[in-house]
Amino acid sequence: MGSEIGAANDEQVVRRWPNSARSVPRARRELLDTLAAWKLPELEDTAVLVLSELVTNAVTHAGSPRGREIETRFFRLSDGRVRIEVHDAGDHRPVLRRAADSDEGGRGLLLVDAITGHQWGVSSRAGVGKLVWAVCAAPS
């Protein structure tokens, strides 16, 4: 299970996870529980897909030093959308690119870009590493 840092409140949930593939389904479950508590079931499919891609990228590409955790932050926005952040200690900044038909991967950020309506990005953060964020809205 993820560790809680700070108190979860009605508008924000923050958790830390081991840098492990096993953290991906655990973070998804946390997000589903959060969306249910916030009464935003219409965001489930989109938000869980976005979170899965971002956490998987952090686990796969961040190259975090041993013992560093991945942090997820979920923010309930006043207009019914949710901002998802994934923090890691890696320096590798993800870049949107077109994967070749023969590539086995490299399509995750294209998917995030498409389903969030281009509402995602990479930002610096205090300390080492970066945060990757995306804003999810209900399908129209």
C-alpha atoms as a PDB file:
ATOM      1  CA  MET A   1       0.000   0.000   0.000  1.00  0.00           C
ATOM      2  CA  GLY A   2       1.142   3.560  -0.597  1.00  0.00           C
ATOM      3  CA  SER A   3       2.227   5.686   2.282  1.00  0.00           C
ATOM      4  CA  GLU A   4       0.322   8.816   3.121  1.00  0.00           C
ATOM      5  CA  ILE A   5       2.191  12.078   3.396  1.00  0.00           C
ATOM      6  CA  GLY A   6       0.264  14.931   4.840  1.00  0.00           C
ATOM      7  CA  ALA A   7      -3.417  14.511   5.385  1.00  0.00           C
ATOM      8  CA  ALA A   8      -5.773  13.677   2.576  1.00  0.00           C
ATOM      9  CA  ASN A   9      -8.567  16.212   2.436  1.00  0.00           C
ATOM     10  CA  ASP A  10     -11.688  16.748   0.360  1.00  0.00           C
ATOM     11  CA  GLU A  11      -9.744  18.363  -2.476  1.00  0.00           C
ATOM     12  CA  GLN A  12      -6.353  16.590  -2.552  1.00  0.00           C
ATOM     13  CA  VAL A  13      -4.898  13.121  -1.986  1.00  0.00           C
ATOM     14  CA  VAL A  14      -1.133  12.550  -1.818  1.00  0.00           C
ATOM     15  CA  ARG A  15       0.524   9.127  -1.601  1.00  0.00           C
ATOM     16  CA  ARG A  16       4.002   7.678  -2.021  1.00  0.00           C
ATOM     17  CA  TRP A  17       4.681   4.341  -3.689  1.00  0.00           C
ATOM     18  CA  PRO A  18       7.706   2.081  -4.070  1.00  0.00           C
ATOM     19  CA  ASN A  19       9.381   2.430  -7.468  1.00  0.00           C
ATOM     20  CA  SER A  20       7.951  -0.904  -8.607  1.00  0.00           C
ATOM     21  CA  ALA A  21       5.547  -2.153 -11.258  1.00  0.00           C
ATOM     22  CA  ARG A  22       3.357  -3.417  -8.390  1.00  0.00           C
ATOM     23  CA  SER A  23       2.648   0.207  -7.512  1.00  0.00           C
ATOM     24  CA  VAL A  24       0.722   0.811 -10.756  1.00  0.00           C
ATOM     25  CA  PRO A  25      -2.412  -1.202  -9.811  1.00  0.00           C
ATOM     26  CA  ARG A  26      -2.224   0.056  -6.232  1.00  0.00           C
ATOM     27  CA  ALA A  27      -2.177   3.681  -7.404  1.00  0.00           C
ATOM     28  CA  ARG A  28      -5.110   2.937  -9.738  1.00  0.00           C
ATOM     29  CA  ARG A  29      -7.111   1.531  -6.812  1.00  0.00           C
ATOM     30  CA  GLU A  30      -6.318   4.649  -4.756  1.00  0.00           C
ATOM     31  CA  LEU A  31      -7.530   6.860  -7.594  1.00  0.00           C
ATOM     32  CA  LEU A  32     -10.748   4.842  -8.039  1.00  0.00           C
ATOM     33  CA  ASP A  33     -11.442   5.106  -4.300  1.00  0.00           C
ATOM     34  CA  THR A  34     -10.758   8.848  -4.430  1.00  0.00           C
ATOM     35  CA  LEU A  35     -13.057   9.417  -7.418  1.00  0.00           C
ATOM     36  CA  ALA A  36     -15.794   7.437  -5.669  1.00  0.00           C
ATOM     37  CA  ALA A  37     -15.417   9.552  -2.519  1.00  0.00           C
ATOM     38  CA  TRP A  38     -15.540  12.701  -4.648  1.00  0.00           C
ATOM     39  CA  LYS A  39     -18.621  11.341  -6.487  1.00  0.00           C
ATOM     40  CA  LEU A  40     -16.901  11.625  -9.881  1.00  0.00           C
ATOM     41  CA  PRO A  41     -17.486   8.179 -11.421  1.00  0.00           C
ATOM     42  CA  GLU A  42     -17.690   9.698 -14.907  1.00  0.00           C
ATOM     43  CA  LEU A  43     -13.935  10.356 -14.730  1.00  0.00           C
ATOM     44  CA  GLU A  44     -12.938   6.798 -13.818  1.00  0.00           C
ATOM     45  CA  ASP A  45     -12.030   5.406 -17.249  1.00  0.00           C
ATOM     46  CA  THR A  46     -10.101   8.450 -18.417  1.00  0.00           C
ATOM     47  CA  ALA A  47      -8.332   9.177 -15.148  1.00  0.00           C
ATOM     48  CA  VAL A  48      -7.291   5.579 -14.475  1.00  0.00           C
ATOM     49  CA  LEU A  49      -5.850   5.239 -17.978  1.00  0.00           C
ATOM     50  CA  VAL A  50      -3.895   8.491 -17.622  1.00  0.00           C
ATOM     51  CA  LEU A  51      -2.594   7.546 -14.174  1.00  0.00           C
ATOM     52  CA  SER A  52      -1.565   4.088 -15.392  1.00  0.00           C
ATOM     53  CA  GLU A  53       0.488   5.584 -18.211  1.00  0.00           C
ATOM     54  CA  LEU A  54       2.155   8.202 -16.008  1.00  0.00           C
ATOM     55  CA  VAL A  55       3.052   5.832 -13.167  1.00  0.00           C
ATOM     56  CA  THR A  56       4.245   3.164 -15.611  1.00  0.00           C
ATOM     57  CA  ASN A  57       6.478   5.757 -17.290  1.00  0.00           C
ATOM     58  CA  ALA A  58       7.889   6.795 -13.913  1.00  0.00           C
ATOM     59  CA  VAL A  59       8.629   3.186 -12.948  1.00  0.00           C
ATOM     60  CA  THR A  60      10.098   2.352 -16.361  1.00  0.00           C
ATOM     61  CA  HIS A  61      12.019   5.492 -17.304  1.00  0.00           C
ATOM     62  CA  ALA A  62      12.652   7.631 -14.241  1.00  0.00           C
ATOM     63  CA  GLY A  63      15.769   5.767 -13.195  1.00  0.00           C
ATOM     64  CA  SER A  64      15.118   6.904  -9.661  1.00  0.00           C
ATOM     65  CA  PRO A  65      17.942   6.176  -7.258  1.00  0.00           C
ATOM     66  CA  ARG A  66      17.457   3.061  -5.172  1.00  0.00           C
ATOM     67  CA  GLY A  67      15.083   3.688  -2.306  1.00  0.00           C
ATOM     68  CA  ARG A  68      13.374   6.688  -3.919  1.00  0.00           C
ATOM     69  CA  GLU A  69       9.605   6.542  -4.108  1.00  0.00           C
ATOM     70  CA  ILE A  70       7.097   7.739  -6.674  1.00  0.00           C
ATOM     71  CA  GLU A  71       4.494  10.181  -5.437  1.00  0.00           C
ATOM     72  CA  THR A  72       0.983  10.603  -6.776  1.00  0.00           C
ATOM     73  CA  ARG A  73      -1.176  13.635  -6.140  1.00  0.00           C
ATOM     74  CA  PHE A  74      -4.832  13.901  -7.083  1.00  0.00           C
ATOM     75  CA  PHE A  75      -6.496  17.315  -6.994  1.00  0.00           C
ATOM     76  CA  ARG A  76     -10.230  17.870  -7.296  1.00  0.00           C
ATOM     77  CA  LEU A  77     -10.701  21.026  -9.337  1.00  0.00           C
ATOM     78  CA  SER A  78     -13.680  23.305  -8.794  1.00  0.00           C
ATOM     79  CA  ASP A  79     -15.054  22.668 -12.293  1.00  0.00           C
ATOM     80  CA  GLY A  80     -15.406  18.890 -11.834  1.00  0.00           C
ATOM     81  CA  ARG A  81     -12.089  17.960 -13.418  1.00  0.00           C
ATOM     82  CA  VAL A  82      -9.216  16.154 -11.699  1.00  0.00           C
ATOM     83  CA  ARG A  83      -5.516  16.989 -11.923  1.00  0.00           C
ATOM     84  CA  ILE A  84      -3.214  13.993 -11.614  1.00  0.00           C
ATOM     85  CA  GLU A  85       0.459  14.469 -10.791  1.00  0.00           C
ATOM     86  CA  VAL A  86       3.175  11.819 -10.707  1.00  0.00           C
ATOM     87  CA  HIS A  87       6.439  12.892  -9.049  1.00  0.00           C
ATOM     88  CA  ASP A  88       9.696  10.984  -9.376  1.00  0.00           C
ATOM     89  CA  ALA A  89      13.390  11.563  -8.719  1.00  0.00           C
ATOM     90  CA  GLY A  90      14.507  10.888 -12.295  1.00  0.00           C
ATOM     91  CA  ASP A  91      15.951  13.517 -14.629  1.00  0.00           C
ATOM     92  CA  HIS A  92      14.495  11.964 -17.809  1.00  0.00           C
ATOM     93  CA  ARG A  93      11.728  14.258 -19.054  1.00  0.00           C
ATOM     94  CA  PRO A  94       9.138  12.498 -21.185  1.00  0.00           C
ATOM     95  CA  VAL A  95       8.656  13.803 -24.713  1.00  0.00           C
ATOM     96  CA  LEU A  96       5.642  13.353 -26.937  1.00  0.00           C
ATOM     97  CA  ARG A  97       6.716  11.407 -30.032  1.00  0.00           C
ATOM     98  CA  ARG A  98       5.252   9.329 -32.801  1.00  0.00           C
ATOM     99  CA  ALA A  99       6.074   5.636 -32.464  1.00  0.00           C
ATOM    100  CA  ALA A 100       6.846   3.660 -35.592  1.00  0.00           C
ATOM    101  CA  ASP A 101       4.431   0.869 -36.485  1.00  0.00           C
ATOM    102  CA  SER A 102       7.122  -1.654 -35.531  1.00  0.00           C
ATOM    103  CA  ASP A 103       7.808  -0.101 -32.096  1.00  0.00           C
ATOM    104  CA  GLU A 104       6.566  -2.129 -29.139  1.00  0.00           C
ATOM    105  CA  GLY A 105       6.075   0.951 -26.962  1.00  0.00           C
ATOM    106  CA  GLY A 106       6.168   4.702 -27.102  1.00  0.00           C
ATOM    107  CA  ARG A 107       2.463   5.409 -27.510  1.00  0.00           C
ATOM    108  CA  GLY A 108       1.514   6.151 -23.907  1.00  0.00           C
ATOM    109  CA  LEU A 109       1.996   9.911 -23.989  1.00  0.00           C
ATOM    110  CA  LEU A 110       0.180  10.124 -27.332  1.00  0.00           C
ATOM    111  CA  LEU A 111      -2.757   8.479 -25.621  1.00  0.00           C
ATOM    112  CA  VAL A 112      -2.512  10.815 -22.609  1.00  0.00           C
ATOM    113  CA  ASP A 113      -2.305  13.805 -24.955  1.00  0.00           C
ATOM    114  CA  ALA A 114      -5.369  12.703 -26.912  1.00  0.00           C
ATOM    115  CA  ILE A 115      -7.662  11.824 -24.019  1.00  0.00           C
ATOM    116  CA  THR A 116      -6.791  14.909 -21.973  1.00  0.00           C
ATOM    117  CA  GLY A 117      -7.219  17.294 -24.909  1.00  0.00           C
ATOM    118  CA  HIS A 118      -3.515  18.247 -24.729  1.00  0.00           C
ATOM    119  CA  GLN A 119      -3.833  19.157 -21.041  1.00  0.00           C
ATOM    120  CA  TRP A 120      -0.665  17.591 -19.684  1.00  0.00           C
ATOM    121  CA  GLY A 121       2.935  18.579 -19.147  1.00  0.00           C
ATOM    122  CA  VAL A 122       6.200  18.189 -17.287  1.00  0.00           C
ATOM    123  CA  SER A 123       7.321  20.579 -14.568  1.00  0.00           C
ATOM    124  CA  SER A 124      10.253  20.976 -12.244  1.00  0.00           C
ATOM    125  CA  ARG A 125       9.705  20.427  -8.563  1.00  0.00           C
ATOM    126  CA  ALA A 126      11.461  21.245  -5.331  1.00  0.00           C
ATOM    127  CA  GLY A 127      14.397  18.886  -4.918  1.00  0.00           C
ATOM    128  CA  VAL A 128      15.471  16.318  -7.456  1.00  0.00           C
ATOM    129  CA  GLY A 129      13.396  15.013 -10.315  1.00  0.00           C
ATOM    130  CA  LYS A 130      10.241  16.233 -11.972  1.00  0.00           C
ATOM    131  CA  LEU A 131       6.493  15.970 -11.956  1.00  0.00           C
ATOM    132  CA  VAL A 132       4.325  14.948 -14.859  1.00  0.00           C
ATOM    133  CA  TRP A 133       0.762  16.214 -14.694  1.00  0.00           C
ATOM    134  CA  ALA A 134      -2.472  15.791 -16.625  1.00  0.00           C
ATOM    135  CA  VAL A 135      -5.991  17.154 -16.237  1.00  0.00           C
ATOM    136  CA  CYS A 136      -8.890  14.766 -16.815  1.00  0.00           C
ATOM    137  CA  ALA A 137     -12.421  15.822 -17.637  1.00  0.00           C
ATOM    138  CA  ALA A 138     -15.572  13.817 -18.138  1.00  0.00           C
ATOM    139  CA  PRO A 139     -16.075  12.661 -21.723  1.00  0.00           C
ATOM    140  CA  SER A 140     -18.244  15.059 -23.679  1.00  0.00           C
END
